[in-house]
Amino acid sequence: MKIRVPKGLSEDEDVNPFTKEERDLIIKTFACDRYYKHYTNYVRFLFFTGARHRKSYQCRHTFISLCVEAHINSTAIGRWTGTSAKMIDKHYGATNFTNLRPPDST
């Protein structure tokens, strides 16, 4: 069964900002929570920058891509990020041509 959402009711189209008080309460609640306080700076960042930032996973892709671009060993990157060097090379190494140069012909 497919349920259709009425026009204008998607989150992307629904502009419903928090009040200043609600914003501050959300940040305070994260800061005081035993299990989720480590998210406080992230939540604060979202509210105070107006970040629109792609999915959070893009930060991981950026980190790995920058490591590959800096010629860091894919095994080390894999250990840091919890994946295999093979996956790093397959998904990031093959598409990162910014530092590639042909061999010297001398």
N, C-alpha and C. Protein backbone atom coordinates (compact mmCIF):
# COMPACT_ATOMS: atom_id res chain seq x y z
N MET A 1 0.83 -1.17 0.00
CA MET A 1 0.00 0.00 0.00
C MET A 1 0.88 1.24 0.00
N LYS A 2 0.62 2.13 -0.90
CA LYS A 2 1.40 3.35 -0.98
C LYS A 2 0.55 4.51 -0.48
N ILE A 3 1.11 5.25 0.46
CA ILE A 3 0.41 6.40 1.02
C ILE A 3 1.02 7.66 0.43
N ARG A 4 0.18 8.49 -0.14
CA ARG A 4 0.67 9.73 -0.71
C ARG A 4 0.57 10.85 0.32
N VAL A 5 1.63 11.61 0.40
CA VAL A 5 1.65 12.75 1.31
C VAL A 5 1.07 13.96 0.57
N PRO A 6 0.14 14.66 1.18
CA PRO A 6 -0.43 15.84 0.51
C PRO A 6 0.64 16.87 0.21
N LYS A 7 0.47 17.59 -0.89
CA LYS A 7 1.44 18.61 -1.29
C LYS A 7 1.68 19.60 -0.16
N GLY A 8 2.94 19.98 -0.01
CA GLY A 8 3.29 20.99 0.98
C GLY A 8 3.50 20.44 2.39
N LEU A 9 3.38 19.15 2.57
CA LEU A 9 3.55 18.60 3.90
C LEU A 9 4.87 17.86 4.09
N SER A 10 5.74 17.92 3.10
CA SER A 10 7.05 17.28 3.28
C SER A 10 7.92 18.20 4.13
N GLU A 11 8.89 17.61 4.81
CA GLU A 11 9.75 18.39 5.69
C GLU A 11 10.52 19.47 4.94
N ASP A 12 10.90 19.16 3.68
CA ASP A 12 11.63 20.14 2.88
C ASP A 12 10.82 21.38 2.57
N GLU A 13 9.51 21.22 2.47
CA GLU A 13 8.64 22.34 2.12
C GLU A 13 8.00 23.00 3.34
N ASP A 14 8.09 22.37 4.47
CA ASP A 14 7.42 22.86 5.67
C ASP A 14 8.39 23.70 6.50
N VAL A 15 8.30 25.02 6.40
CA VAL A 15 9.15 25.91 7.17
C VAL A 15 8.49 26.12 8.52
N ASN A 16 9.07 25.55 9.55
CA ASN A 16 8.49 25.61 10.88
C ASN A 16 9.63 25.73 11.90
N PRO A 17 10.25 26.90 11.97
CA PRO A 17 11.43 27.06 12.83
C PRO A 17 11.09 26.96 14.31
N PHE A 18 12.12 26.59 15.08
CA PHE A 18 11.99 26.61 16.53
C PHE A 18 12.10 28.05 17.02
N THR A 19 11.50 28.34 18.14
CA THR A 19 11.69 29.66 18.76
C THR A 19 13.07 29.67 19.41
N LYS A 20 13.55 30.85 19.77
CA LYS A 20 14.83 30.96 20.46
C LYS A 20 14.81 30.13 21.74
N GLU A 21 13.71 30.19 22.45
CA GLU A 21 13.58 29.44 23.70
C GLU A 21 13.61 27.93 23.46
N GLU A 22 12.92 27.51 22.40
CA GLU A 22 12.93 26.08 22.06
C GLU A 22 14.33 25.63 21.67
N ARG A 23 15.00 26.45 20.87
CA ARG A 23 16.37 26.15 20.46
C ARG A 23 17.27 25.98 21.68
N ASP A 24 17.21 26.94 22.59
CA ASP A 24 18.05 26.90 23.78
C ASP A 24 17.72 25.70 24.66
N LEU A 25 16.45 25.37 24.75
CA LEU A 25 16.03 24.21 25.54
C LEU A 25 16.54 22.90 24.92
N ILE A 26 16.50 22.82 23.61
CA ILE A 26 17.01 21.62 22.94
C ILE A 26 18.49 21.45 23.21
N ILE A 27 19.25 22.53 23.07
CA ILE A 27 20.70 22.47 23.33
C ILE A 27 20.96 22.11 24.78
N LYS A 28 20.25 22.73 25.69
CA LYS A 28 20.42 22.45 27.14
C LYS A 28 20.08 20.99 27.45
N THR A 29 19.03 20.49 26.83
CA THR A 29 18.62 19.11 27.07
C THR A 29 19.71 18.14 26.61
N PHE A 30 20.29 18.39 25.45
CA PHE A 30 21.40 17.55 25.01
C PHE A 30 22.57 17.64 25.99
N ALA A 31 22.91 18.86 26.40
CA ALA A 31 24.05 19.07 27.29
C ALA A 31 23.89 18.37 28.63
N CYS A 32 22.67 18.23 29.11
CA CYS A 32 22.41 17.64 30.41
C CYS A 32 22.11 16.14 30.36
N ASP A 33 21.94 15.61 29.17
CA ASP A 33 21.54 14.21 29.05
C ASP A 33 22.73 13.27 29.23
N ARG A 34 22.54 12.29 30.05
CA ARG A 34 23.58 11.32 30.38
C ARG A 34 24.09 10.56 29.15
N TYR A 35 23.18 10.22 28.26
CA TYR A 35 23.54 9.39 27.11
C TYR A 35 23.85 10.16 25.83
N TYR A 36 23.33 11.36 25.71
CA TYR A 36 23.45 12.08 24.44
C TYR A 36 24.22 13.40 24.53
N LYS A 37 24.84 13.69 25.68
CA LYS A 37 25.52 14.98 25.82
C LYS A 37 26.67 15.16 24.84
N HIS A 38 27.22 14.06 24.34
CA HIS A 38 28.32 14.18 23.38
C HIS A 38 27.85 14.78 22.04
N TYR A 39 26.55 14.88 21.81
CA TYR A 39 26.02 15.51 20.61
C TYR A 39 25.81 17.02 20.76
N THR A 40 26.03 17.55 21.94
CA THR A 40 25.73 18.95 22.21
C THR A 40 26.41 19.91 21.24
N ASN A 41 27.69 19.76 21.01
CA ASN A 41 28.40 20.69 20.12
C ASN A 41 27.90 20.57 18.68
N TYR A 42 27.55 19.36 18.28
CA TYR A 42 27.00 19.16 16.94
C TYR A 42 25.66 19.87 16.80
N VAL A 43 24.79 19.71 17.77
CA VAL A 43 23.47 20.36 17.74
C VAL A 43 23.64 21.88 17.78
N ARG A 44 24.54 22.35 18.61
CA ARG A 44 24.81 23.79 18.69
C ARG A 44 25.32 24.30 17.33
N PHE A 45 26.21 23.55 16.72
CA PHE A 45 26.72 23.91 15.40
C PHE A 45 25.59 24.05 14.39
N LEU A 46 24.68 23.09 14.37
CA LEU A 46 23.57 23.13 13.42
C LEU A 46 22.71 24.37 13.62
N PHE A 47 22.40 24.68 14.87
CA PHE A 47 21.55 25.84 15.15
C PHE A 47 22.25 27.17 14.88
N PHE A 48 23.52 27.28 15.20
CA PHE A 48 24.19 28.57 15.14
C PHE A 48 24.87 28.86 13.82
N THR A 49 24.92 27.91 12.92
CA THR A 49 25.50 28.19 11.61
C THR A 49 24.45 28.19 10.52
N GLY A 50 23.27 27.67 10.83
CA GLY A 50 22.26 27.56 9.79
C GLY A 50 22.66 26.53 8.75
N ALA A 51 23.52 25.60 9.19
CA ALA A 51 24.03 24.59 8.27
C ALA A 51 22.89 23.90 7.55
N ARG A 52 23.12 23.77 6.29
CA ARG A 52 22.09 23.20 5.47
C ARG A 52 22.39 21.80 5.07
N HIS A 53 24.33 21.24 5.82
CA HIS A 53 25.34 20.33 5.43
C HIS A 53 24.82 19.10 4.83
N ARG A 54 24.93 18.53 3.85
CA ARG A 54 24.44 17.29 3.27
C ARG A 54 24.22 16.29 4.39
N LYS A 55 24.01 15.02 4.06
CA LYS A 55 23.89 14.00 5.09
C LYS A 55 25.21 13.94 5.85
N SER A 56 25.14 13.60 7.11
CA SER A 56 26.34 13.55 7.94
C SER A 56 27.41 12.63 7.37
N TYR A 57 26.98 11.62 6.65
CA TYR A 57 27.93 10.67 6.09
C TYR A 57 28.89 11.33 5.11
N GLN A 58 28.51 12.48 4.55
CA GLN A 58 29.39 13.19 3.63
C GLN A 58 30.66 13.65 4.33
N CYS A 59 30.60 13.88 5.64
CA CYS A 59 31.81 14.24 6.39
C CYS A 59 32.81 13.09 6.34
N ARG A 60 32.32 11.87 6.46
CA ARG A 60 33.19 10.69 6.36
C ARG A 60 33.83 10.62 4.97
N HIS A 61 33.01 10.82 3.94
CA HIS A 61 33.54 10.79 2.58
C HIS A 61 34.60 11.87 2.38
N THR A 62 34.36 13.04 2.93
CA THR A 62 35.32 14.13 2.81
C THR A 62 36.63 13.76 3.49
N PHE A 63 36.55 13.24 4.72
CA PHE A 63 37.75 12.85 5.45
C PHE A 63 38.56 11.83 4.66
N ILE A 64 37.90 10.79 4.19
CA ILE A 64 38.61 9.74 3.45
C ILE A 64 39.21 10.31 2.16
N SER A 65 38.45 11.11 1.44
CA SER A 65 38.94 11.68 0.19
C SER A 65 40.16 12.56 0.41
N LEU A 66 40.13 13.37 1.47
CA LEU A 66 41.27 14.24 1.76
C LEU A 66 42.49 13.42 2.18
N CYS A 67 42.27 12.34 2.88
CA CYS A 67 43.39 11.45 3.25
C CYS A 67 44.01 10.83 2.00
N VAL A 68 43.17 10.37 1.09
CA VAL A 68 43.66 9.78 -0.16
C VAL A 68 44.42 10.82 -0.96
N GLU A 69 43.87 12.02 -1.03
CA GLU A 69 44.52 13.11 -1.75
C GLU A 69 45.88 13.45 -1.15
N ALA A 70 46.01 13.27 0.16
CA ALA A 70 47.28 13.56 0.85
C ALA A 70 48.23 12.35 0.79
N HIS A 71 47.87 11.34 0.03
CA HIS A 71 48.68 10.13 -0.16
C HIS A 71 48.90 9.35 1.12
N ILE A 72 47.93 9.36 2.01
CA ILE A 72 48.01 8.54 3.22
C ILE A 72 47.68 7.11 2.84
N ASN A 73 48.42 6.20 3.40
CA ASN A 73 48.26 4.78 3.10
C ASN A 73 46.82 4.33 3.33
N SER A 74 46.26 3.62 2.37
CA SER A 74 44.86 3.21 2.46
C SER A 74 44.61 2.23 3.60
N THR A 75 45.63 1.48 4.01
CA THR A 75 45.47 0.59 5.16
C THR A 75 45.27 1.41 6.43
N ALA A 76 46.04 2.49 6.57
CA ALA A 76 45.88 3.36 7.74
C ALA A 76 44.51 4.04 7.73
N ILE A 77 44.11 4.53 6.58
CA ILE A 77 42.79 5.17 6.48
C ILE A 77 41.71 4.17 6.85
N GLY A 78 41.84 2.96 6.36
CA GLY A 78 40.87 1.91 6.66
C GLY A 78 40.78 1.61 8.14
N ARG A 79 41.92 1.57 8.80
CA ARG A 79 41.92 1.32 10.26
C ARG A 79 41.24 2.46 11.00
N TRP A 80 41.52 3.69 10.59
CA TRP A 80 40.92 4.85 11.26
C TRP A 80 39.41 4.89 11.08
N THR A 81 38.95 4.46 9.91
CA THR A 81 37.54 4.62 9.58
C THR A 81 36.74 3.32 9.67
N GLY A 82 37.41 2.24 10.02
CA GLY A 82 36.70 0.98 10.20
C GLY A 82 36.27 0.31 8.91
N THR A 83 37.11 0.40 7.90
CA THR A 83 36.82 -0.28 6.63
C THR A 83 38.12 -0.85 6.08
N SER A 84 38.06 -1.59 5.01
CA SER A 84 39.26 -2.22 4.47
C SER A 84 39.99 -1.30 3.49
N ALA A 85 41.28 -1.54 3.35
CA ALA A 85 42.07 -0.78 2.37
C ALA A 85 41.52 -1.02 0.96
N LYS A 86 41.04 -2.23 0.72
CA LYS A 86 40.46 -2.56 -0.58
C LYS A 86 39.27 -1.66 -0.90
N MET A 87 38.41 -1.44 0.11
CA MET A 87 37.25 -0.56 -0.10
C MET A 87 37.67 0.89 -0.29
N ILE A 88 38.69 1.32 0.46
CA ILE A 88 39.21 2.68 0.30
C ILE A 88 39.69 2.86 -1.14
N ASP A 89 40.50 1.93 -1.60
CA ASP A 89 41.04 2.01 -2.96
C ASP A 89 39.94 1.94 -4.01
N LYS A 90 38.97 1.07 -3.80
CA LYS A 90 37.89 0.89 -4.77
C LYS A 90 37.02 2.14 -4.88
N HIS A 91 36.65 2.71 -3.74
CA HIS A 91 35.68 3.81 -3.76
C HIS A 91 36.30 5.20 -3.79
N TYR A 92 37.52 5.34 -3.35
CA TYR A 92 38.11 6.67 -3.28
C TYR A 92 39.36 6.80 -4.13
N GLY A 93 40.22 5.80 -4.11
CA GLY A 93 41.48 5.88 -4.85
C GLY A 93 41.30 5.95 -6.35
N ALA A 94 40.34 5.21 -6.86
CA ALA A 94 40.15 5.15 -8.31
C ALA A 94 39.56 6.43 -8.88
N THR A 95 38.95 7.25 -8.06
CA THR A 95 38.32 8.46 -8.57
C THR A 95 39.08 9.73 -8.19
N ASN A 96 40.17 9.57 -7.46
CA ASN A 96 40.91 10.74 -7.01
C ASN A 96 42.15 10.91 -7.88
N PHE A 97 42.04 11.73 -8.91
CA PHE A 97 43.14 11.92 -9.85
C PHE A 97 43.85 13.26 -9.67
N THR A 98 43.57 13.98 -8.61
CA THR A 98 44.11 15.33 -8.46
C THR A 98 45.62 15.37 -8.35
N ASN A 99 46.22 14.34 -7.77
CA ASN A 99 47.68 14.37 -7.57
C ASN A 99 48.43 13.41 -8.50
N LEU A 100 47.74 12.82 -9.44
CA LEU A 100 48.40 11.87 -10.33
C LEU A 100 49.18 12.61 -11.41
N ARG A 101 50.38 12.10 -11.67
CA ARG A 101 51.21 12.65 -12.74
C ARG A 101 51.82 11.48 -13.50
N PRO A 102 52.01 11.62 -14.79
CA PRO A 102 52.64 10.54 -15.53
C PRO A 102 54.09 10.37 -15.09
N PRO A 103 54.63 9.16 -15.24
CA PRO A 103 56.02 8.95 -14.83
C PRO A 103 56.97 9.77 -15.69
N ASP A 104 58.10 10.10 -15.10
CA ASP A 104 59.14 10.84 -15.80
C ASP A 104 59.66 9.98 -16.95
N SER A 105 59.81 10.56 -18.13
CA SER A 105 60.24 9.79 -19.29
C SER A 105 61.76 9.75 -19.43
N THR A 106 62.49 10.23 -18.46
CA THR A 106 63.95 10.23 -18.56
C THR A 106 64.55 8.95 -18.07
